Amino acid sequence: MSEERRYSVSQIQCYLACPLKYRFQYVEQLPKAFRPAGLAFGGTIHAAVEWLGRARMQGEEPRLEDLLQVFSDDWFAQNLDPLEFSPGESKDSLERKARVMLEVYQQATTGRRPAAVEEHFALEIADPQTGECLGIPFRGIVDLVEDDGTLVDLKTAARAMPQADVDRHLQLSTYALAVCLRTGSVPKLRLDVLLKGSKPRLERIETSRSVPDLAWTAHLLQRTSWAIEEGSFFPNPSWRCTECEYREPCQGWRGR
């Protein structure tokens, strides 16, 4: 399979949220009118946490000041191009928030030495129940693998995530599917949510998947890839539209 057809979780999630946005972003590769500040902020938090995890893999425990400097340097770079901030937010207010959030994260995870950070995988998706190859080249990156094999995905969010949402979390399901196809066993899973409310905190939400759950995920990935390759692109109006970078080309859409 060509690399161009190797799908990622982000691509699948984008298509499921809005097929027309998928076309603008991944097929036509239109320039984005702006960058949502929340997206840039979450990415910068991720980069700082990744740096912390890699240091811990080497047996180090960096100072909080060094972790905050990693964030500040990347956040400065993110703001070289204009960002679109939500009402009440600014570059400085988010940087102040990040300092509290990263302190919370470091304190909550002190003493944990990960087995892997930002672990890449690439494979052909198959049904884990039947062994049938579904013909989908797939790639992804697992945020964190703990020393007991638990796969961890980290999110920043304004509010807590219900357990039911975590139990259907597509990213964790796909990661678990990749490990199951490679090793024959289903790993333990956890979503770490770094909340950026008035009192930032880290929530760790454990979840699990069965082999039938992963077979369902595999077929969802297959059917979604079929729809993409058939060129079935249409808008899906939702709350996401208010922060979409493709509002203008979407308004000009007429089924072409």
C-alpha atoms as a PDB file:
ATOM      1  CA  MET A   1       0.000   0.000   0.000  1.00  0.00           C
ATOM      2  CA  SER A   2       1.248   3.508  -0.711  1.00  0.00           C
ATOM      3  CA  GLU A   3       2.049   5.830   2.158  1.00  0.00           C
ATOM      4  CA  GLU A   4      -0.568   8.248   0.789  1.00  0.00           C
ATOM      5  CA  ARG A   5      -3.278   5.744   1.704  1.00  0.00           C
ATOM      6  CA  ARG A   6      -2.008   5.083   5.212  1.00  0.00           C
ATOM      7  CA  TYR A   7      -4.717   6.424   7.495  1.00  0.00           C
ATOM      8  CA  SER A   8      -4.386   7.843  11.003  1.00  0.00           C
ATOM      9  CA  VAL A   9      -6.815   8.143  13.893  1.00  0.00           C
ATOM     10  CA  SER A  10      -6.904  11.911  13.364  1.00  0.00           C
ATOM     11  CA  GLN A  11      -7.978  11.466   9.748  1.00  0.00           C
ATOM     12  CA  ILE A  12     -10.705   8.980  10.651  1.00  0.00           C
ATOM     13  CA  GLN A  13     -11.996  11.210  13.445  1.00  0.00           C
ATOM     14  CA  CYS A  14     -11.955  14.234  11.126  1.00  0.00           C
ATOM     15  CA  TYR A  15     -14.026  12.384   8.523  1.00  0.00           C
ATOM     16  CA  LEU A  16     -16.517  11.095  11.091  1.00  0.00           C
ATOM     17  CA  ALA A  17     -16.944  14.628  12.493  1.00  0.00           C
ATOM     18  CA  CYS A  18     -17.300  16.336   9.089  1.00  0.00           C
ATOM     19  CA  PRO A  19     -16.569  14.662   5.739  1.00  0.00           C
ATOM     20  CA  LEU A  20     -16.351  18.040   3.974  1.00  0.00           C
ATOM     21  CA  LYS A  21     -13.671  19.276   6.377  1.00  0.00           C
ATOM     22  CA  TYR A  22     -11.754  16.092   5.629  1.00  0.00           C
ATOM     23  CA  ARG A  23     -11.817  16.936   1.927  1.00  0.00           C
ATOM     24  CA  PHE A  24     -10.660  20.515   2.510  1.00  0.00           C
ATOM     25  CA  GLN A  25      -7.869  19.453   4.877  1.00  0.00           C
ATOM     26  CA  TYR A  26      -6.556  16.155   3.506  1.00  0.00           C
ATOM     27  CA  VAL A  27      -7.636  15.980  -0.150  1.00  0.00           C
ATOM     28  CA  GLU A  28      -7.534  19.580  -1.401  1.00  0.00           C
ATOM     29  CA  GLN A  29      -5.108  20.656   1.356  1.00  0.00           C
ATOM     30  CA  LEU A  30      -6.600  24.141   1.453  1.00  0.00           C
ATOM     31  CA  PRO A  31      -4.753  26.743   3.537  1.00  0.00           C
ATOM     32  CA  LYS A  32      -6.439  27.330   6.880  1.00  0.00           C
ATOM     33  CA  ALA A  33      -7.898  30.776   7.499  1.00  0.00           C
ATOM     34  CA  PHE A  34      -6.629  30.720  11.083  1.00  0.00           C
ATOM     35  CA  ARG A  35      -5.432  28.393  13.816  1.00  0.00           C
ATOM     36  CA  PRO A  36      -7.628  27.823  16.871  1.00  0.00           C
ATOM     37  CA  ALA A  37      -5.687  28.843  19.964  1.00  0.00           C
ATOM     38  CA  GLY A  38      -7.091  25.892  21.893  1.00  0.00           C
ATOM     39  CA  LEU A  39      -5.595  23.452  19.392  1.00  0.00           C
ATOM     40  CA  ALA A  40      -2.192  25.145  19.523  1.00  0.00           C
ATOM     41  CA  PHE A  41      -2.356  25.273  23.325  1.00  0.00           C
ATOM     42  CA  GLY A  42      -3.146  21.568  23.624  1.00  0.00           C
ATOM     43  CA  GLY A  43      -0.311  20.712  21.258  1.00  0.00           C
ATOM     44  CA  THR A  44       2.138  22.797  23.276  1.00  0.00           C
ATOM     45  CA  ILE A  45       1.082  21.111  26.529  1.00  0.00           C
ATOM     46  CA  HIS A  46       1.574  17.751  24.806  1.00  0.00           C
ATOM     47  CA  ALA A  47       5.073  18.744  23.677  1.00  0.00           C
ATOM     48  CA  ALA A  48       6.055  19.718  27.222  1.00  0.00           C
ATOM     49  CA  VAL A  49       4.653  16.480  28.676  1.00  0.00           C
ATOM     50  CA  GLU A  50       6.464  14.486  25.978  1.00  0.00           C
ATOM     51  CA  TRP A  51       9.747  16.209  26.947  1.00  0.00           C
ATOM     52  CA  LEU A  52       9.101  15.348  30.602  1.00  0.00           C
ATOM     53  CA  GLY A  53       8.362  11.719  29.761  1.00  0.00           C
ATOM     54  CA  ARG A  54      11.519  11.311  27.697  1.00  0.00           C
ATOM     55  CA  ALA A  55      13.608  12.775  30.506  1.00  0.00           C
ATOM     56  CA  ARG A  56      12.034  10.336  32.949  1.00  0.00           C
ATOM     57  CA  MET A  57      12.815   7.425  30.621  1.00  0.00           C
ATOM     58  CA  GLN A  58      16.472   8.418  31.091  1.00  0.00           C
ATOM     59  CA  GLY A  59      16.057   8.303  34.859  1.00  0.00           C
ATOM     60  CA  GLU A  60      15.905  12.074  35.276  1.00  0.00           C
ATOM     61  CA  GLU A  61      13.332  14.224  37.088  1.00  0.00           C
ATOM     62  CA  PRO A  62      13.526  17.734  35.587  1.00  0.00           C
ATOM     63  CA  ARG A  63      12.855  20.823  37.633  1.00  0.00           C
ATOM     64  CA  LEU A  64       9.467  22.449  37.215  1.00  0.00           C
ATOM     65  CA  GLU A  65      11.203  25.589  35.954  1.00  0.00           C
ATOM     66  CA  ASP A  66      12.769  23.619  33.094  1.00  0.00           C
ATOM     67  CA  LEU A  67       9.429  22.052  32.153  1.00  0.00           C
ATOM     68  CA  LEU A  68       7.778  25.477  32.117  1.00  0.00           C
ATOM     69  CA  GLN A  69      10.571  26.836  29.938  1.00  0.00           C
ATOM     70  CA  VAL A  70       9.960  24.087  27.387  1.00  0.00           C
ATOM     71  CA  PHE A  71       6.315  25.151  27.262  1.00  0.00           C
ATOM     72  CA  SER A  72       7.120  28.865  27.037  1.00  0.00           C
ATOM     73  CA  ASP A  73       9.561  28.414  24.154  1.00  0.00           C
ATOM     74  CA  ASP A  74       7.105  26.355  22.122  1.00  0.00           C
ATOM     75  CA  TRP A  75       4.163  28.619  22.991  1.00  0.00           C
ATOM     76  CA  PHE A  76       6.119  31.626  21.757  1.00  0.00           C
ATOM     77  CA  ALA A  77       6.739  29.815  18.453  1.00  0.00           C
ATOM     78  CA  GLN A  78       3.071  28.836  18.150  1.00  0.00           C
ATOM     79  CA  ASN A  79       2.074  32.499  18.441  1.00  0.00           C
ATOM     80  CA  LEU A  80       4.337  33.722  15.639  1.00  0.00           C
ATOM     81  CA  ASP A  81       1.352  33.114  13.350  1.00  0.00           C
ATOM     82  CA  PRO A  82      -1.984  34.617  14.453  1.00  0.00           C
ATOM     83  CA  LEU A  83      -4.189  32.390  16.592  1.00  0.00           C
ATOM     84  CA  GLU A  84      -7.938  32.762  17.102  1.00  0.00           C
ATOM     85  CA  PHE A  85      -8.641  32.892  20.840  1.00  0.00           C
ATOM     86  CA  SER A  86     -11.916  32.095  22.542  1.00  0.00           C
ATOM     87  CA  PRO A  87     -13.643  34.957  24.366  1.00  0.00           C
ATOM     88  CA  GLY A  88     -11.858  35.753  27.622  1.00  0.00           C
ATOM     89  CA  GLU A  89      -8.632  34.032  26.571  1.00  0.00           C
ATOM     90  CA  SER A  90      -5.326  35.467  25.378  1.00  0.00           C
ATOM     91  CA  LYS A  91      -1.740  34.390  24.813  1.00  0.00           C
ATOM     92  CA  ASP A  92      -0.763  35.496  28.319  1.00  0.00           C
ATOM     93  CA  SER A  93      -3.808  34.073  30.100  1.00  0.00           C
ATOM     94  CA  LEU A  94      -3.274  30.641  28.527  1.00  0.00           C
ATOM     95  CA  GLU A  95       0.408  30.711  29.399  1.00  0.00           C
ATOM     96  CA  ARG A  96      -0.464  31.434  33.037  1.00  0.00           C
ATOM     97  CA  LYS A  97      -2.978  28.576  32.936  1.00  0.00           C
ATOM     98  CA  ALA A  98      -0.395  26.212  31.444  1.00  0.00           C
ATOM     99  CA  ARG A  99       2.036  26.900  34.266  1.00  0.00           C
ATOM    100  CA  VAL A 100      -0.506  25.687  36.823  1.00  0.00           C
ATOM    101  CA  MET A 101      -1.560  22.730  34.673  1.00  0.00           C
ATOM    102  CA  LEU A 102       1.987  21.513  34.123  1.00  0.00           C
ATOM    103  CA  GLU A 103       2.797  21.840  37.815  1.00  0.00           C
ATOM    104  CA  VAL A 104      -0.279  19.739  38.584  1.00  0.00           C
ATOM    105  CA  TYR A 105       0.750  17.147  35.995  1.00  0.00           C
ATOM    106  CA  GLN A 106       4.337  16.879  37.200  1.00  0.00           C
ATOM    107  CA  GLN A 107       3.341  16.517  40.843  1.00  0.00           C
ATOM    108  CA  ALA A 108       0.652  13.931  40.032  1.00  0.00           C
ATOM    109  CA  THR A 109       3.039  11.784  37.982  1.00  0.00           C
ATOM    110  CA  THR A 110       6.250  12.073  40.017  1.00  0.00           C
ATOM    111  CA  GLY A 111       7.970   8.711  40.335  1.00  0.00           C
ATOM    112  CA  ARG A 112       6.447   7.250  37.170  1.00  0.00           C
ATOM    113  CA  ARG A 113       9.006   6.114  34.614  1.00  0.00           C
ATOM    114  CA  PRO A 114       7.322   5.355  31.276  1.00  0.00           C
ATOM    115  CA  ALA A 115       8.318   2.455  29.050  1.00  0.00           C
ATOM    116  CA  ALA A 116       7.730   4.500  25.891  1.00  0.00           C
ATOM    117  CA  VAL A 117       6.740   8.042  24.911  1.00  0.00           C
ATOM    118  CA  GLU A 118       5.162   8.965  21.570  1.00  0.00           C
ATOM    119  CA  GLU A 119       5.447   5.367  20.351  1.00  0.00           C
ATOM    120  CA  HIS A 120       4.810   5.072  16.597  1.00  0.00           C
ATOM    121  CA  PHE A 121       3.072   2.130  14.967  1.00  0.00           C
ATOM    122  CA  ALA A 122       2.154   1.197  11.392  1.00  0.00           C
ATOM    123  CA  LEU A 123       0.232  -1.908  10.360  1.00  0.00           C
ATOM    124  CA  GLU A 124      -2.503  -3.388   8.188  1.00  0.00           C
ATOM    125  CA  ILE A 125      -5.817  -3.486  10.046  1.00  0.00           C
ATOM    126  CA  ALA A 126      -7.380  -6.919  10.493  1.00  0.00           C
ATOM    127  CA  ASP A 127     -10.384  -8.341  12.344  1.00  0.00           C
ATOM    128  CA  PRO A 128      -8.891  -9.657  15.630  1.00  0.00           C
ATOM    129  CA  GLN A 129     -11.690 -12.229  15.971  1.00  0.00           C
ATOM    130  CA  THR A 130     -11.448 -13.832  12.538  1.00  0.00           C
ATOM    131  CA  GLY A 131      -7.975 -12.817  11.390  1.00  0.00           C
ATOM    132  CA  GLU A 132      -9.442 -11.404   8.161  1.00  0.00           C
ATOM    133  CA  CYS A 133      -7.216  -8.711   6.657  1.00  0.00           C
ATOM    134  CA  LEU A 134      -9.351  -5.629   6.007  1.00  0.00           C
ATOM    135  CA  GLY A 135      -6.918  -3.937   3.630  1.00  0.00           C
ATOM    136  CA  ILE A 136      -6.452  -0.715   5.607  1.00  0.00           C
ATOM    137  CA  PRO A 137      -2.905   0.592   6.067  1.00  0.00           C
ATOM    138  CA  PHE A 138      -2.895   2.448   9.374  1.00  0.00           C
ATOM    139  CA  ARG A 139      -0.476   4.510  11.429  1.00  0.00           C
ATOM    140  CA  GLY A 140      -0.563   6.183  14.812  1.00  0.00           C
ATOM    141  CA  ILE A 141       1.332   7.462  17.819  1.00  0.00           C
ATOM    142  CA  VAL A 142       0.594   6.359  21.384  1.00  0.00           C
ATOM    143  CA  ASP A 143       1.212   9.214  23.838  1.00  0.00           C
ATOM    144  CA  LEU A 144       2.537   7.068  26.675  1.00  0.00           C
ATOM    145  CA  VAL A 145       3.140   3.413  27.513  1.00  0.00           C
ATOM    146  CA  GLU A 146       3.616   2.705  31.215  1.00  0.00           C
ATOM    147  CA  ASP A 147       5.970   0.056  32.564  1.00  0.00           C
ATOM    148  CA  ASP A 148       3.085  -2.402  33.038  1.00  0.00           C
ATOM    149  CA  GLY A 149       2.027  -2.015  29.386  1.00  0.00           C
ATOM    150  CA  THR A 150      -0.888   0.369  30.007  1.00  0.00           C
ATOM    151  CA  LEU A 151      -1.543   2.592  26.990  1.00  0.00           C
ATOM    152  CA  VAL A 152      -2.257   6.204  27.958  1.00  0.00           C
ATOM    153  CA  ASP A 153      -3.727   8.997  25.862  1.00  0.00           C
ATOM    154  CA  LEU A 154      -3.450  12.549  27.210  1.00  0.00           C
ATOM    155  CA  LYS A 155      -6.053  15.223  26.549  1.00  0.00           C
ATOM    156  CA  THR A 156      -6.450  18.801  27.708  1.00  0.00           C
ATOM    157  CA  ALA A 157     -10.056  19.783  28.259  1.00  0.00           C
ATOM    158  CA  ALA A 158     -12.255  22.406  29.854  1.00  0.00           C
ATOM    159  CA  ARG A 159     -14.487  19.841  31.573  1.00  0.00           C
ATOM    160  CA  ALA A 160     -14.365  16.285  32.824  1.00  0.00           C
ATOM    161  CA  MET A 161     -15.106  13.419  30.444  1.00  0.00           C
ATOM    162  CA  PRO A 162     -17.840  10.922  31.400  1.00  0.00           C
ATOM    163  CA  GLN A 163     -16.792   7.292  31.782  1.00  0.00           C
ATOM    164  CA  ALA A 164     -19.174   6.301  28.979  1.00  0.00           C
ATOM    165  CA  ASP A 165     -17.315   8.577  26.559  1.00  0.00           C
ATOM    166  CA  VAL A 166     -13.976   7.100  27.569  1.00  0.00           C
ATOM    167  CA  ASP A 167     -15.373   3.595  27.077  1.00  0.00           C
ATOM    168  CA  ARG A 168     -16.127   4.535  23.431  1.00  0.00           C
ATOM    169  CA  HIS A 169     -12.993   6.607  22.880  1.00  0.00           C
ATOM    170  CA  LEU A 170     -11.906   5.806  19.317  1.00  0.00           C
ATOM    171  CA  GLN A 171      -8.264   6.718  19.801  1.00  0.00           C
ATOM    172  CA  LEU A 172      -7.829   4.310  22.713  1.00  0.00           C
ATOM    173  CA  SER A 173      -9.770   1.616  20.836  1.00  0.00           C
ATOM    174  CA  THR A 174      -7.478   1.955  17.830  1.00  0.00           C
ATOM    175  CA  TYR A 175      -4.340   1.839  19.961  1.00  0.00           C
ATOM    176  CA  ALA A 176      -5.619  -1.280  21.695  1.00  0.00           C
ATOM    177  CA  LEU A 177      -6.436  -2.841  18.316  1.00  0.00           C
ATOM    178  CA  ALA A 178      -2.889  -2.184  17.090  1.00  0.00           C
ATOM    179  CA  VAL A 179      -1.374  -3.856  20.164  1.00  0.00           C
ATOM    180  CA  CYS A 180      -3.825  -6.775  19.986  1.00  0.00           C
ATOM    181  CA  LEU A 181      -2.958  -7.440  16.332  1.00  0.00           C
ATOM    182  CA  ARG A 182       0.761  -7.277  17.119  1.00  0.00           C
ATOM    183  CA  THR A 183       0.851  -9.272  20.356  1.00  0.00           C
ATOM    184  CA  GLY A 184      -2.412 -11.238  20.527  1.00  0.00           C
ATOM    185  CA  SER A 185      -3.455  -9.640  23.822  1.00  0.00           C
ATOM    186  CA  VAL A 186      -5.572  -6.605  24.708  1.00  0.00           C
ATOM    187  CA  PRO A 187      -3.666  -3.980  26.736  1.00  0.00           C
ATOM    188  CA  LYS A 188      -4.890  -1.972  29.680  1.00  0.00           C
ATOM    189  CA  LEU A 189      -6.064   1.516  28.731  1.00  0.00           C
ATOM    190  CA  ARG A 190      -6.314   4.894  30.437  1.00  0.00           C
ATOM    191  CA  LEU A 191      -7.273   8.402  29.421  1.00  0.00           C
ATOM    192  CA  ASP A 192      -5.470  11.163  31.314  1.00  0.00           C
ATOM    193  CA  VAL A 193      -7.432  14.422  31.151  1.00  0.00           C
ATOM    194  CA  LEU A 194      -5.593  17.571  32.214  1.00  0.00           C
ATOM    195  CA  LEU A 195      -8.431  19.938  33.049  1.00  0.00           C
ATOM    196  CA  LYS A 196      -7.875  23.647  32.521  1.00  0.00           C
ATOM    197  CA  GLY A 197     -10.702  25.013  34.640  1.00  0.00           C
ATOM    198  CA  SER A 198     -10.401  27.538  37.459  1.00  0.00           C
ATOM    199  CA  LYS A 199      -8.637  24.840  39.523  1.00  0.00           C
ATOM    200  CA  PRO A 200      -6.661  22.652  37.080  1.00  0.00           C
ATOM    201  CA  ARG A 201      -6.430  18.973  37.958  1.00  0.00           C
ATOM    202  CA  LEU A 202      -5.440  15.679  36.357  1.00  0.00           C
ATOM    203  CA  GLU A 203      -8.098  13.006  36.015  1.00  0.00           C
ATOM    204  CA  ARG A 204      -7.057   9.426  35.225  1.00  0.00           C
ATOM    205  CA  ILE A 205      -9.910   7.393  33.762  1.00  0.00           C
ATOM    206  CA  GLU A 206      -9.309   3.688  33.260  1.00  0.00           C
ATOM    207  CA  THR A 207     -11.182   1.770  30.591  1.00  0.00           C
ATOM    208  CA  SER A 208     -11.049  -1.585  28.834  1.00  0.00           C
ATOM    209  CA  ARG A 209     -11.868  -3.225  25.520  1.00  0.00           C
ATOM    210  CA  SER A 210     -12.848  -6.785  24.616  1.00  0.00           C
ATOM    211  CA  VAL A 211     -11.786  -8.549  21.422  1.00  0.00           C
ATOM    212  CA  PRO A 212     -15.332  -8.082  19.996  1.00  0.00           C
ATOM    213  CA  ASP A 213     -15.011  -4.347  20.785  1.00  0.00           C
ATOM    214  CA  LEU A 214     -11.798  -4.227  18.775  1.00  0.00           C
ATOM    215  CA  ALA A 215     -13.368  -6.153  15.886  1.00  0.00           C
ATOM    216  CA  TRP A 216     -16.128  -3.505  15.808  1.00  0.00           C
ATOM    217  CA  THR A 217     -13.447  -0.799  15.716  1.00  0.00           C
ATOM    218  CA  ALA A 218     -11.597  -2.543  12.884  1.00  0.00           C
ATOM    219  CA  HIS A 219     -14.721  -2.630  10.731  1.00  0.00           C
ATOM    220  CA  LEU A 220     -15.523   0.999  11.525  1.00  0.00           C
ATOM    221  CA  LEU A 221     -12.062   1.945  10.268  1.00  0.00           C
ATOM    222  CA  GLN A 222     -12.634  -0.141   7.139  1.00  0.00           C
ATOM    223  CA  ARG A 223     -16.027   1.377   6.287  1.00  0.00           C
ATOM    224  CA  THR A 224     -14.780   4.899   6.956  1.00  0.00           C
ATOM    225  CA  SER A 225     -11.803   4.375   4.644  1.00  0.00           C
ATOM    226  CA  TRP A 226     -14.185   3.079   1.943  1.00  0.00           C
ATOM    227  CA  ALA A 227     -16.311   6.221   2.205  1.00  0.00           C
ATOM    228  CA  ILE A 228     -13.199   8.385   1.921  1.00  0.00           C
ATOM    229  CA  GLU A 229     -11.924   6.548  -1.134  1.00  0.00           C
ATOM    230  CA  GLU A 230     -15.346   6.739  -2.785  1.00  0.00           C
ATOM    231  CA  GLY A 231     -15.149  10.535  -2.442  1.00  0.00           C
ATOM    232  CA  SER A 232     -18.254  10.871  -0.276  1.00  0.00           C
ATOM    233  CA  PHE A 233     -17.710  14.363   1.148  1.00  0.00           C
ATOM    234  CA  PHE A 234     -20.506  16.490   2.619  1.00  0.00           C
ATOM    235  CA  PRO A 235     -20.870  18.945   5.524  1.00  0.00           C
ATOM    236  CA  ASN A 236     -22.027  17.897   8.974  1.00  0.00           C
ATOM    237  CA  PRO A 237     -23.296  21.044  10.755  1.00  0.00           C
ATOM    238  CA  SER A 238     -22.581  20.960  14.489  1.00  0.00           C
ATOM    239  CA  TRP A 239     -21.096  22.979  17.359  1.00  0.00           C
ATOM    240  CA  ARG A 240     -17.694  22.371  15.755  1.00  0.00           C
ATOM    241  CA  CYS A 241     -18.555  24.812  12.963  1.00  0.00           C
ATOM    242  CA  THR A 242     -17.970  27.818  15.230  1.00  0.00           C
ATOM    243  CA  GLU A 243     -14.253  26.996  15.504  1.00  0.00           C
ATOM    244  CA  CYS A 244     -13.700  25.480  12.055  1.00  0.00           C
ATOM    245  CA  GLU A 245     -10.867  26.891   9.952  1.00  0.00           C
ATOM    246  CA  TYR A 246     -12.802  26.181   6.757  1.00  0.00           C
ATOM    247  CA  ARG A 247     -15.962  28.206   7.402  1.00  0.00           C
ATOM    248  CA  GLU A 248     -15.589  30.257   4.209  1.00  0.00           C
ATOM    249  CA  PRO A 249     -15.092  27.403   1.700  1.00  0.00           C
ATOM    250  CA  CYS A 250     -17.848  25.496   3.483  1.00  0.00           C
ATOM    251  CA  GLN A 251     -20.273  28.362   2.803  1.00  0.00           C
ATOM    252  CA  GLY A 252     -19.423  28.067  -0.888  1.00  0.00           C
ATOM    253  CA  TRP A 253     -20.101  24.323  -0.981  1.00  0.00           C
ATOM    254  CA  ARG A 254     -22.868  23.249  -3.384  1.00  0.00           C
ATOM    255  CA  GLY A 255     -22.323  19.531  -3.620  1.00  0.00           C
ATOM    256  CA  ARG A 256     -19.382  19.713  -6.000  1.00  0.00           C
END
